[in-house]
Amino acid sequence: MERDKLVYMANQIAKFFESAPEGARSQGVADHINKFWEPRMRTQLFERVDSGRTEDLSPIVLGAMPSIRRPAAPLEERASKQADEHAS
């Protein structure tokens, strides 16, 4: 999915939760993303945040990041990493 579209979607979710009590805002965003975003979308969101490109993300989304489940690495990547470990 286009990364700018992901930012837009995440910020729209945050906008919805702005009316929630302060302690529930970030958790609401995290719950929604965990339930409805496929792993590929969450991976792209984490890649953006991990690279420091957070200027366009709502503070509520950034506050939700610790509660958003980080998808496992793709099977090919895990297999390659295991092969490298065994070769050492």
Foldseek 3Di string as FASTA:
>chain_A
DDLVVLQVVLQVLLVVLPPPPPVCRLVSSQVCCQVPPDQVSLQSVVVCVVVPVCPSHDVSPVVNVVSHDHDDDPPVVVVVVVVVVVVD
